[in-house]
N, C-alpha and C. Protein backbone atom coordinates (compact mmCIF):
# COMPACT_ATOMS: atom_id res chain seq x y z
N MET A 1 -23.26 -23.63 35.58
CA MET A 1 -23.20 -24.36 36.81
C MET A 1 -21.74 -24.46 37.28
N ALA A 2 -21.54 -24.30 38.57
CA ALA A 2 -20.16 -24.32 39.11
C ALA A 2 -19.57 -25.70 39.03
N ARG A 3 -18.27 -25.77 38.75
CA ARG A 3 -17.56 -27.03 38.69
C ARG A 3 -17.40 -27.57 40.10
N ARG A 4 -17.73 -28.84 40.30
CA ARG A 4 -17.58 -29.47 41.61
C ARG A 4 -16.13 -29.90 41.80
N ILE A 5 -15.58 -29.63 42.98
CA ILE A 5 -14.23 -30.05 43.26
C ILE A 5 -14.24 -30.93 44.51
N SER A 6 -13.27 -31.77 44.63
CA SER A 6 -13.19 -32.63 45.81
C SER A 6 -12.72 -31.81 47.01
N LEU A 7 -12.96 -32.36 48.17
CA LEU A 7 -12.50 -31.70 49.40
C LEU A 7 -10.99 -31.55 49.38
N ARG A 8 -10.31 -32.57 48.87
CA ARG A 8 -8.85 -32.52 48.81
C ARG A 8 -8.37 -31.36 47.92
N GLU A 9 -8.98 -31.19 46.75
CA GLU A 9 -8.62 -30.07 45.87
C GLU A 9 -8.89 -28.74 46.55
N PHE A 10 -10.02 -28.66 47.23
CA PHE A 10 -10.38 -27.42 47.91
C PHE A 10 -9.36 -27.09 49.00
N GLN A 11 -8.97 -28.11 49.80
CA GLN A 11 -8.01 -27.87 50.86
C GLN A 11 -6.65 -27.53 50.33
N GLU A 12 -6.25 -28.14 49.19
CA GLU A 12 -4.96 -27.79 48.58
C GLU A 12 -4.98 -26.34 48.10
N HIS A 13 -6.09 -25.95 47.46
CA HIS A 13 -6.23 -24.56 47.00
C HIS A 13 -6.20 -23.60 48.19
N LEU A 14 -6.91 -23.97 49.26
CA LEU A 14 -6.94 -23.15 50.46
C LEU A 14 -5.54 -23.04 51.05
N SER A 15 -4.81 -24.14 51.06
CA SER A 15 -3.44 -24.13 51.59
C SER A 15 -2.53 -23.21 50.79
N ARG A 16 -2.67 -23.27 49.46
CA ARG A 16 -1.85 -22.38 48.61
C ARG A 16 -2.19 -20.92 48.89
N ARG A 17 -3.48 -20.62 49.04
CA ARG A 17 -3.89 -19.25 49.32
C ARG A 17 -3.37 -18.78 50.68
N LEU A 18 -3.46 -19.67 51.68
CA LEU A 18 -2.92 -19.33 53.02
C LEU A 18 -1.41 -19.09 52.95
N SER A 19 -0.70 -19.87 52.18
CA SER A 19 0.75 -19.68 52.03
C SER A 19 1.02 -18.33 51.42
N GLY A 20 0.23 -17.95 50.42
CA GLY A 20 0.39 -16.65 49.78
C GLY A 20 0.15 -15.51 50.74
N VAL A 21 -0.87 -15.65 51.59
CA VAL A 21 -1.16 -14.62 52.59
C VAL A 21 0.01 -14.54 53.59
N ALA A 22 0.54 -15.68 54.00
CA ALA A 22 1.66 -15.69 54.95
C ALA A 22 2.89 -15.04 54.36
N GLN A 23 3.05 -15.13 53.04
CA GLN A 23 4.22 -14.56 52.40
C GLN A 23 4.00 -13.09 52.00
N GLY A 24 2.87 -12.52 52.41
CA GLY A 24 2.66 -11.11 52.21
C GLY A 24 1.94 -10.74 50.93
N GLU A 25 1.39 -11.69 50.19
CA GLU A 25 0.64 -11.33 49.01
C GLU A 25 -0.60 -10.56 49.44
N SER A 26 -1.02 -9.62 48.64
CA SER A 26 -2.10 -8.72 49.04
C SER A 26 -3.49 -9.22 48.70
N ALA A 27 -3.62 -10.39 48.12
CA ALA A 27 -4.93 -10.89 47.73
C ALA A 27 -5.65 -11.39 48.97
N ALA A 28 -6.42 -10.52 49.59
CA ALA A 28 -7.19 -10.89 50.77
C ALA A 28 -8.40 -11.66 50.33
N SER A 29 -8.71 -12.72 51.06
CA SER A 29 -9.87 -13.52 50.76
C SER A 29 -10.62 -13.85 52.02
N LEU A 30 -11.87 -14.22 51.83
CA LEU A 30 -12.74 -14.61 52.92
C LEU A 30 -13.25 -16.02 52.66
N LEU A 31 -13.49 -16.75 53.74
CA LEU A 31 -14.08 -18.07 53.63
C LEU A 31 -15.55 -17.93 53.99
N GLY A 32 -16.43 -18.39 53.10
CA GLY A 32 -17.85 -18.35 53.36
C GLY A 32 -18.33 -19.65 53.96
N ILE A 33 -19.10 -19.56 55.03
CA ILE A 33 -19.71 -20.76 55.64
C ILE A 33 -21.18 -20.52 55.84
N GLN A 34 -21.92 -21.61 55.95
CA GLN A 34 -23.32 -21.54 56.27
C GLN A 34 -23.52 -22.13 57.65
N ALA A 35 -24.21 -21.40 58.51
CA ALA A 35 -24.53 -21.84 59.87
C ALA A 35 -26.04 -21.83 59.99
N GLY A 36 -26.67 -22.99 59.83
CA GLY A 36 -28.13 -23.02 59.79
C GLY A 36 -28.57 -22.34 58.50
N GLN A 37 -29.37 -21.29 58.62
CA GLN A 37 -29.82 -20.55 57.45
C GLN A 37 -29.00 -19.27 57.22
N SER A 38 -28.11 -18.93 58.12
CA SER A 38 -27.33 -17.69 57.98
C SER A 38 -25.98 -17.93 57.34
N ARG A 39 -25.49 -16.92 56.68
CA ARG A 39 -24.19 -16.98 55.99
C ARG A 39 -23.19 -16.12 56.75
N TRP A 40 -21.95 -16.65 56.85
CA TRP A 40 -20.92 -15.99 57.59
C TRP A 40 -19.66 -15.94 56.77
N LEU A 41 -18.85 -14.92 57.02
CA LEU A 41 -17.56 -14.73 56.38
C LEU A 41 -16.48 -14.70 57.44
N LEU A 42 -15.38 -15.43 57.20
CA LEU A 42 -14.23 -15.46 58.10
C LEU A 42 -13.01 -15.05 57.29
N ASP A 43 -12.09 -14.36 57.93
CA ASP A 43 -10.81 -14.09 57.26
C ASP A 43 -10.13 -15.42 56.97
N LEU A 44 -9.71 -15.59 55.76
CA LEU A 44 -9.08 -16.84 55.34
C LEU A 44 -7.86 -17.16 56.19
N SER A 45 -7.09 -16.15 56.52
CA SER A 45 -5.89 -16.37 57.32
C SER A 45 -6.20 -16.79 58.74
N GLU A 46 -7.43 -16.58 59.22
CA GLU A 46 -7.83 -16.96 60.56
C GLU A 46 -8.62 -18.26 60.61
N SER A 47 -9.02 -18.79 59.45
CA SER A 47 -10.01 -19.86 59.41
C SER A 47 -9.50 -21.21 59.91
N GLY A 48 -8.26 -21.50 59.79
CA GLY A 48 -7.74 -22.78 60.26
C GLY A 48 -8.06 -23.92 59.30
N GLU A 49 -7.77 -25.14 59.76
CA GLU A 49 -7.98 -26.32 58.95
C GLU A 49 -9.46 -26.69 58.88
N ILE A 50 -9.84 -27.30 57.77
CA ILE A 50 -11.21 -27.77 57.56
C ILE A 50 -11.17 -29.28 57.43
N VAL A 51 -12.01 -29.96 58.25
CA VAL A 51 -12.04 -31.44 58.19
C VAL A 51 -13.47 -31.92 58.16
N PRO A 52 -13.70 -33.11 57.55
CA PRO A 52 -15.03 -33.71 57.61
C PRO A 52 -15.39 -34.00 59.08
N LEU A 53 -16.66 -34.10 59.35
CA LEU A 53 -17.11 -34.34 60.71
C LEU A 53 -16.77 -35.75 61.19
N PRO A 54 -15.87 -35.87 62.19
CA PRO A 54 -15.52 -37.19 62.72
C PRO A 54 -16.54 -37.59 63.81
N PRO A 55 -16.42 -38.79 64.35
CA PRO A 55 -17.28 -39.15 65.49
C PRO A 55 -16.98 -38.21 66.66
N LEU A 56 -18.01 -37.81 67.37
CA LEU A 56 -17.85 -36.93 68.51
C LEU A 56 -18.16 -37.65 69.81
N THR A 57 -17.39 -37.36 70.84
CA THR A 57 -17.62 -37.93 72.16
C THR A 57 -18.36 -36.88 72.98
N PRO A 58 -19.61 -37.18 73.38
CA PRO A 58 -20.37 -36.19 74.14
C PRO A 58 -19.78 -35.99 75.53
N VAL A 59 -19.99 -34.78 76.06
CA VAL A 59 -19.55 -34.44 77.40
C VAL A 59 -20.80 -34.07 78.20
N PRO A 60 -21.06 -34.79 79.31
CA PRO A 60 -22.29 -34.49 80.08
C PRO A 60 -22.23 -33.13 80.75
N LEU A 61 -23.41 -32.60 81.03
CA LEU A 61 -23.61 -31.36 81.78
C LEU A 61 -23.01 -30.14 81.07
N THR A 62 -23.10 -30.13 79.76
CA THR A 62 -22.63 -29.00 78.96
C THR A 62 -23.82 -28.38 78.24
N ARG A 63 -23.59 -27.20 77.68
CA ARG A 63 -24.63 -26.48 76.94
C ARG A 63 -25.06 -27.30 75.73
N PRO A 64 -26.30 -27.11 75.29
CA PRO A 64 -26.78 -27.85 74.10
C PRO A 64 -25.95 -27.56 72.84
N SER A 65 -25.35 -26.40 72.74
CA SER A 65 -24.56 -26.07 71.56
C SER A 65 -23.17 -26.72 71.58
N PHE A 66 -22.77 -27.26 72.72
CA PHE A 66 -21.47 -27.93 72.78
C PHE A 66 -21.67 -29.38 72.39
N CYS A 67 -21.06 -29.79 71.28
CA CYS A 67 -21.26 -31.14 70.71
C CYS A 67 -20.43 -32.18 71.43
N GLY A 68 -19.28 -31.81 71.94
CA GLY A 68 -18.42 -32.77 72.58
C GLY A 68 -16.99 -32.62 72.08
N LEU A 69 -16.25 -33.71 72.13
CA LEU A 69 -14.86 -33.71 71.76
C LEU A 69 -14.63 -34.52 70.50
N ALA A 70 -13.74 -34.03 69.66
CA ALA A 70 -13.35 -34.73 68.44
C ALA A 70 -11.86 -35.02 68.50
N ASN A 71 -11.48 -36.23 68.12
CA ASN A 71 -10.09 -36.62 68.05
C ASN A 71 -9.64 -36.42 66.61
N ILE A 72 -8.81 -35.40 66.41
CA ILE A 72 -8.27 -35.09 65.10
C ILE A 72 -6.77 -35.39 65.14
N ARG A 73 -6.38 -36.47 64.50
CA ARG A 73 -4.97 -36.89 64.46
C ARG A 73 -4.31 -36.89 65.83
N GLY A 74 -5.02 -37.43 66.83
CA GLY A 74 -4.45 -37.56 68.17
C GLY A 74 -4.62 -36.35 69.06
N ASN A 75 -5.19 -35.26 68.55
CA ASN A 75 -5.43 -34.07 69.36
C ASN A 75 -6.92 -33.93 69.61
N LEU A 76 -7.29 -33.65 70.85
CA LEU A 76 -8.69 -33.44 71.17
C LEU A 76 -9.08 -31.99 70.91
N HIS A 77 -10.22 -31.82 70.27
CA HIS A 77 -10.75 -30.48 69.97
C HIS A 77 -12.14 -30.36 70.56
N ALA A 78 -12.41 -29.27 71.28
CA ALA A 78 -13.73 -28.98 71.80
C ALA A 78 -14.58 -28.46 70.66
N VAL A 79 -15.72 -29.13 70.38
CA VAL A 79 -16.55 -28.82 69.21
C VAL A 79 -17.82 -28.11 69.65
N THR A 80 -18.04 -26.93 69.09
CA THR A 80 -19.26 -26.18 69.30
C THR A 80 -20.05 -26.15 68.00
N ASP A 81 -21.32 -26.48 68.09
CA ASP A 81 -22.23 -26.41 66.94
C ASP A 81 -22.54 -24.93 66.74
N PHE A 82 -21.89 -24.31 65.78
CA PHE A 82 -22.02 -22.86 65.60
C PHE A 82 -23.46 -22.44 65.31
N PRO A 83 -24.19 -23.15 64.43
CA PRO A 83 -25.60 -22.76 64.24
C PRO A 83 -26.40 -22.79 65.53
N ALA A 84 -26.22 -23.82 66.36
CA ALA A 84 -26.95 -23.90 67.63
C ALA A 84 -26.52 -22.77 68.55
N TYR A 85 -25.23 -22.43 68.54
CA TYR A 85 -24.73 -21.38 69.42
C TYR A 85 -25.36 -20.02 69.08
N ILE A 86 -25.60 -19.77 67.79
CA ILE A 86 -26.17 -18.46 67.40
C ILE A 86 -27.71 -18.50 67.38
N GLY A 87 -28.31 -19.59 67.83
CA GLY A 87 -29.76 -19.65 67.94
C GLY A 87 -30.48 -20.29 66.77
N GLU A 88 -29.76 -20.90 65.85
CA GLU A 88 -30.36 -21.59 64.72
C GLU A 88 -30.56 -23.06 65.09
N GLU A 89 -31.16 -23.80 64.16
CA GLU A 89 -31.35 -25.23 64.37
C GLU A 89 -29.98 -25.90 64.46
N PRO A 90 -29.82 -26.87 65.38
CA PRO A 90 -28.53 -27.59 65.45
C PRO A 90 -28.22 -28.32 64.15
N THR A 91 -26.96 -28.47 63.85
CA THR A 91 -26.49 -29.16 62.66
C THR A 91 -26.68 -30.66 62.84
N PRO A 92 -27.40 -31.33 61.94
CA PRO A 92 -27.51 -32.79 62.03
C PRO A 92 -26.13 -33.43 61.83
N HIS A 93 -25.79 -34.37 62.67
CA HIS A 93 -24.47 -35.00 62.57
C HIS A 93 -24.37 -35.96 61.39
N HIS A 94 -25.50 -36.29 60.79
CA HIS A 94 -25.47 -37.15 59.59
C HIS A 94 -25.45 -36.31 58.30
N ASN A 95 -25.35 -34.99 58.42
CA ASN A 95 -25.28 -34.10 57.28
C ASN A 95 -23.94 -34.28 56.57
N PRO A 96 -23.93 -34.79 55.33
CA PRO A 96 -22.65 -35.02 54.65
C PRO A 96 -21.90 -33.72 54.29
N ALA A 97 -22.61 -32.58 54.27
CA ALA A 97 -21.95 -31.31 53.96
C ALA A 97 -21.35 -30.65 55.17
N ALA A 98 -21.69 -31.12 56.38
CA ALA A 98 -21.19 -30.49 57.61
C ALA A 98 -19.66 -30.65 57.69
N ARG A 99 -19.04 -29.62 58.21
CA ARG A 99 -17.58 -29.62 58.35
C ARG A 99 -17.18 -29.04 59.71
N LEU A 100 -15.97 -29.41 60.14
CA LEU A 100 -15.38 -28.80 61.33
C LEU A 100 -14.32 -27.81 60.88
N LEU A 101 -14.38 -26.62 61.44
CA LEU A 101 -13.31 -25.64 61.24
C LEU A 101 -12.49 -25.64 62.51
N LEU A 102 -11.25 -26.00 62.41
CA LEU A 102 -10.35 -26.02 63.56
C LEU A 102 -9.80 -24.61 63.74
N VAL A 103 -10.56 -23.80 64.43
CA VAL A 103 -10.28 -22.35 64.48
C VAL A 103 -9.39 -21.92 65.61
N GLY A 104 -9.20 -22.71 66.63
CA GLY A 104 -8.48 -22.25 67.81
C GLY A 104 -6.99 -22.42 67.80
N ALA A 105 -6.46 -23.27 66.93
CA ALA A 105 -5.01 -23.60 66.97
C ALA A 105 -4.15 -22.34 66.84
N LYS A 106 -4.54 -21.43 65.99
CA LYS A 106 -3.75 -20.21 65.80
C LYS A 106 -3.74 -19.35 67.06
N HIS A 107 -4.77 -19.52 67.89
CA HIS A 107 -4.91 -18.70 69.09
C HIS A 107 -4.57 -19.47 70.37
N GLY A 108 -3.99 -20.66 70.22
CA GLY A 108 -3.50 -21.38 71.37
C GLY A 108 -4.49 -22.29 72.08
N ASN A 109 -5.60 -22.63 71.43
CA ASN A 109 -6.51 -23.61 72.06
C ASN A 109 -7.12 -24.50 70.98
N ASN A 110 -7.55 -25.65 71.38
CA ASN A 110 -8.11 -26.63 70.44
C ASN A 110 -9.63 -26.51 70.39
N VAL A 111 -10.10 -25.57 69.63
CA VAL A 111 -11.52 -25.30 69.46
C VAL A 111 -11.89 -25.53 68.00
N ALA A 112 -13.04 -26.17 67.82
CA ALA A 112 -13.54 -26.39 66.47
C ALA A 112 -14.99 -25.93 66.39
N LEU A 113 -15.36 -25.37 65.24
CA LEU A 113 -16.74 -24.98 65.00
C LEU A 113 -17.34 -25.96 64.00
N LEU A 114 -18.49 -26.52 64.38
CA LEU A 114 -19.26 -27.35 63.45
C LEU A 114 -20.13 -26.41 62.64
N VAL A 115 -20.01 -26.45 61.32
CA VAL A 115 -20.82 -25.61 60.44
C VAL A 115 -21.63 -26.47 59.50
N SER A 116 -22.74 -25.91 59.02
CA SER A 116 -23.65 -26.67 58.16
C SER A 116 -23.00 -27.03 56.83
N ARG A 117 -22.28 -26.08 56.25
CA ARG A 117 -21.56 -26.36 55.00
C ARG A 117 -20.66 -25.19 54.67
N LEU A 118 -19.69 -25.47 53.78
CA LEU A 118 -18.79 -24.43 53.29
C LEU A 118 -19.39 -23.78 52.06
N LEU A 119 -19.19 -22.50 51.91
CA LEU A 119 -19.69 -21.78 50.74
C LEU A 119 -18.57 -21.27 49.85
N GLY A 120 -17.35 -21.65 50.18
CA GLY A 120 -16.22 -21.31 49.31
C GLY A 120 -15.51 -20.02 49.64
N LEU A 121 -14.52 -19.70 48.81
CA LEU A 121 -13.74 -18.47 48.97
C LEU A 121 -14.50 -17.30 48.37
N LYS A 122 -14.45 -16.18 49.05
CA LYS A 122 -15.13 -14.98 48.62
C LYS A 122 -14.15 -13.81 48.56
N ASN A 123 -14.39 -12.92 47.63
CA ASN A 123 -13.57 -11.72 47.49
C ASN A 123 -14.20 -10.59 48.30
N PRO A 124 -13.43 -9.97 49.20
CA PRO A 124 -13.98 -8.87 50.00
C PRO A 124 -14.56 -7.72 49.14
N ALA A 125 -14.02 -7.55 47.95
CA ALA A 125 -14.50 -6.44 47.10
C ALA A 125 -15.92 -6.68 46.60
N ASP A 126 -16.42 -7.91 46.72
CA ASP A 126 -17.77 -8.23 46.26
C ASP A 126 -18.85 -7.92 47.29
N PHE A 127 -18.47 -7.32 48.43
CA PHE A 127 -19.43 -7.09 49.51
C PHE A 127 -19.46 -5.61 49.89
N SER A 128 -20.64 -5.15 50.22
CA SER A 128 -20.76 -3.83 50.88
C SER A 128 -20.94 -4.12 52.36
N ILE A 129 -20.26 -3.34 53.18
CA ILE A 129 -20.20 -3.62 54.61
C ILE A 129 -20.87 -2.51 55.41
N THR A 130 -21.67 -2.90 56.40
CA THR A 130 -22.29 -1.98 57.34
C THR A 130 -22.03 -2.47 58.74
N PRO A 131 -22.00 -1.59 59.74
CA PRO A 131 -21.80 -2.05 61.11
C PRO A 131 -22.98 -2.94 61.55
N PRO A 132 -22.72 -3.90 62.43
CA PRO A 132 -23.82 -4.75 62.91
C PRO A 132 -24.74 -3.94 63.85
N PRO A 133 -25.92 -4.45 64.15
CA PRO A 133 -26.79 -3.76 65.10
C PRO A 133 -26.10 -3.60 66.44
N GLY A 134 -26.49 -2.60 67.19
CA GLY A 134 -25.84 -2.28 68.47
C GLY A 134 -25.84 -3.42 69.48
N GLN A 135 -26.86 -4.29 69.44
CA GLN A 135 -26.92 -5.39 70.39
C GLN A 135 -26.15 -6.64 69.95
N ALA A 136 -25.52 -6.58 68.81
CA ALA A 136 -24.77 -7.73 68.29
C ALA A 136 -23.54 -7.98 69.14
N PRO A 137 -23.15 -9.23 69.36
CA PRO A 137 -21.92 -9.51 70.12
C PRO A 137 -20.69 -9.01 69.35
N ALA A 138 -19.61 -8.83 70.08
CA ALA A 138 -18.37 -8.29 69.48
C ALA A 138 -17.85 -9.17 68.35
N TRP A 139 -18.07 -10.47 68.42
CA TRP A 139 -17.57 -11.38 67.38
C TRP A 139 -18.39 -11.29 66.09
N ASN A 140 -19.54 -10.67 66.12
CA ASN A 140 -20.31 -10.39 64.89
C ASN A 140 -19.87 -9.00 64.41
N ALA A 141 -18.75 -9.00 63.70
CA ALA A 141 -18.00 -7.76 63.42
C ALA A 141 -18.69 -6.83 62.44
N ALA A 142 -19.49 -7.34 61.53
CA ALA A 142 -20.14 -6.50 60.51
C ALA A 142 -21.24 -7.29 59.82
N THR A 143 -22.09 -6.53 59.15
CA THR A 143 -23.10 -7.12 58.27
C THR A 143 -22.67 -6.78 56.85
N CYS A 144 -22.71 -7.76 55.98
CA CYS A 144 -22.28 -7.57 54.60
C CYS A 144 -23.39 -7.97 53.66
N THR A 145 -23.39 -7.36 52.50
CA THR A 145 -24.33 -7.70 51.45
C THR A 145 -23.57 -7.99 50.19
N ASP A 146 -23.86 -9.14 49.56
CA ASP A 146 -23.16 -9.47 48.32
C ASP A 146 -23.88 -8.85 47.14
N GLN A 147 -23.36 -9.08 45.95
CA GLN A 147 -23.89 -8.45 44.74
C GLN A 147 -25.28 -8.95 44.39
N GLU A 148 -25.69 -10.12 44.91
CA GLU A 148 -27.03 -10.64 44.67
C GLU A 148 -28.03 -10.19 45.74
N GLY A 149 -27.57 -9.43 46.72
CA GLY A 149 -28.41 -8.92 47.79
C GLY A 149 -28.52 -9.84 48.98
N ASN A 150 -27.73 -10.90 49.04
CA ASN A 150 -27.74 -11.81 50.18
C ASN A 150 -27.03 -11.20 51.36
N ALA A 151 -27.58 -11.42 52.56
CA ALA A 151 -26.99 -10.90 53.79
C ALA A 151 -25.97 -11.90 54.33
N TRP A 152 -24.84 -11.39 54.76
CA TRP A 152 -23.78 -12.17 55.36
C TRP A 152 -23.36 -11.48 56.68
N HIS A 153 -22.79 -12.24 57.59
CA HIS A 153 -22.25 -11.71 58.83
C HIS A 153 -20.74 -11.95 58.80
N ARG A 154 -20.00 -11.01 59.32
CA ARG A 154 -18.54 -11.13 59.38
C ARG A 154 -18.18 -11.65 60.77
N LEU A 155 -17.53 -12.81 60.82
CA LEU A 155 -17.19 -13.45 62.08
C LEU A 155 -15.75 -13.08 62.47
N ASP A 156 -15.60 -12.49 63.63
CA ASP A 156 -14.28 -12.18 64.19
C ASP A 156 -13.91 -13.31 65.14
N LEU A 157 -13.07 -14.24 64.63
CA LEU A 157 -12.73 -15.43 65.42
C LEU A 157 -12.00 -15.11 66.72
N LYS A 158 -11.12 -14.13 66.67
CA LYS A 158 -10.37 -13.78 67.88
C LYS A 158 -11.34 -13.30 68.96
N ALA A 159 -12.32 -12.49 68.59
CA ALA A 159 -13.31 -12.01 69.56
C ALA A 159 -14.18 -13.15 70.06
N LEU A 160 -14.54 -14.09 69.15
CA LEU A 160 -15.36 -15.24 69.57
C LEU A 160 -14.60 -16.10 70.58
N LEU A 161 -13.33 -16.37 70.30
CA LEU A 161 -12.55 -17.21 71.19
C LEU A 161 -12.21 -16.53 72.51
N SER A 162 -12.31 -15.24 72.60
CA SER A 162 -12.07 -14.55 73.87
C SER A 162 -13.38 -14.17 74.57
N ASP A 163 -14.52 -14.56 74.00
CA ASP A 163 -15.82 -14.30 74.63
C ASP A 163 -16.03 -15.31 75.75
N PRO A 164 -16.18 -14.85 77.01
CA PRO A 164 -16.34 -15.78 78.14
C PRO A 164 -17.57 -16.68 77.96
N HIS A 165 -18.64 -16.17 77.38
CA HIS A 165 -19.85 -16.98 77.18
C HIS A 165 -19.59 -18.12 76.23
N PHE A 166 -18.82 -17.90 75.18
CA PHE A 166 -18.49 -18.96 74.22
C PHE A 166 -17.60 -20.01 74.87
N MET A 167 -16.64 -19.59 75.64
CA MET A 167 -15.67 -20.52 76.22
C MET A 167 -16.23 -21.27 77.43
N ASN A 168 -17.30 -20.81 78.02
CA ASN A 168 -17.90 -21.49 79.18
C ASN A 168 -18.94 -22.48 78.66
N ILE A 169 -18.63 -23.76 78.73
CA ILE A 169 -19.51 -24.78 78.15
C ILE A 169 -20.45 -25.42 79.18
N VAL A 170 -20.33 -25.02 80.42
CA VAL A 170 -21.14 -25.63 81.49
C VAL A 170 -22.60 -25.25 81.29
N ALA A 171 -23.48 -26.27 81.42
CA ALA A 171 -24.93 -26.05 81.23
C ALA A 171 -25.46 -25.17 82.33
């Protein structure tokens, strides 16, 4: 059984890994997340900060997948329920495993993705990669299969944040 670690230990480990990537270390890693029933992989260097779900302020006349605004240390972040955005069941706000990924800061905007739960750091060498189906959006960069045969999707955050449909929250 896997050893349970606190969120603080996980974030410290993630911070050390990000520092290593910034300093040019070649150990590439992926962050695994669960969005509804689907599994996604993000480049660790693109993933941004991870925070527990704070209270959200709803914004009227927006898409159902747009949760509202979150105040994170005095900065407002636009929160999208990623499972709802991809067509899965919305994430319950009382879910203790739910987390916010502050993904937009590196790209110049305050965007956060609400995800069902974190699945930890993953090694890219543990996955076989195939191109996504032709009708997949550009931000669904690839389909991956792990050693146990589980299907994963590769999330291209830069493509997601430049997708006009994602950025348009009007209902």
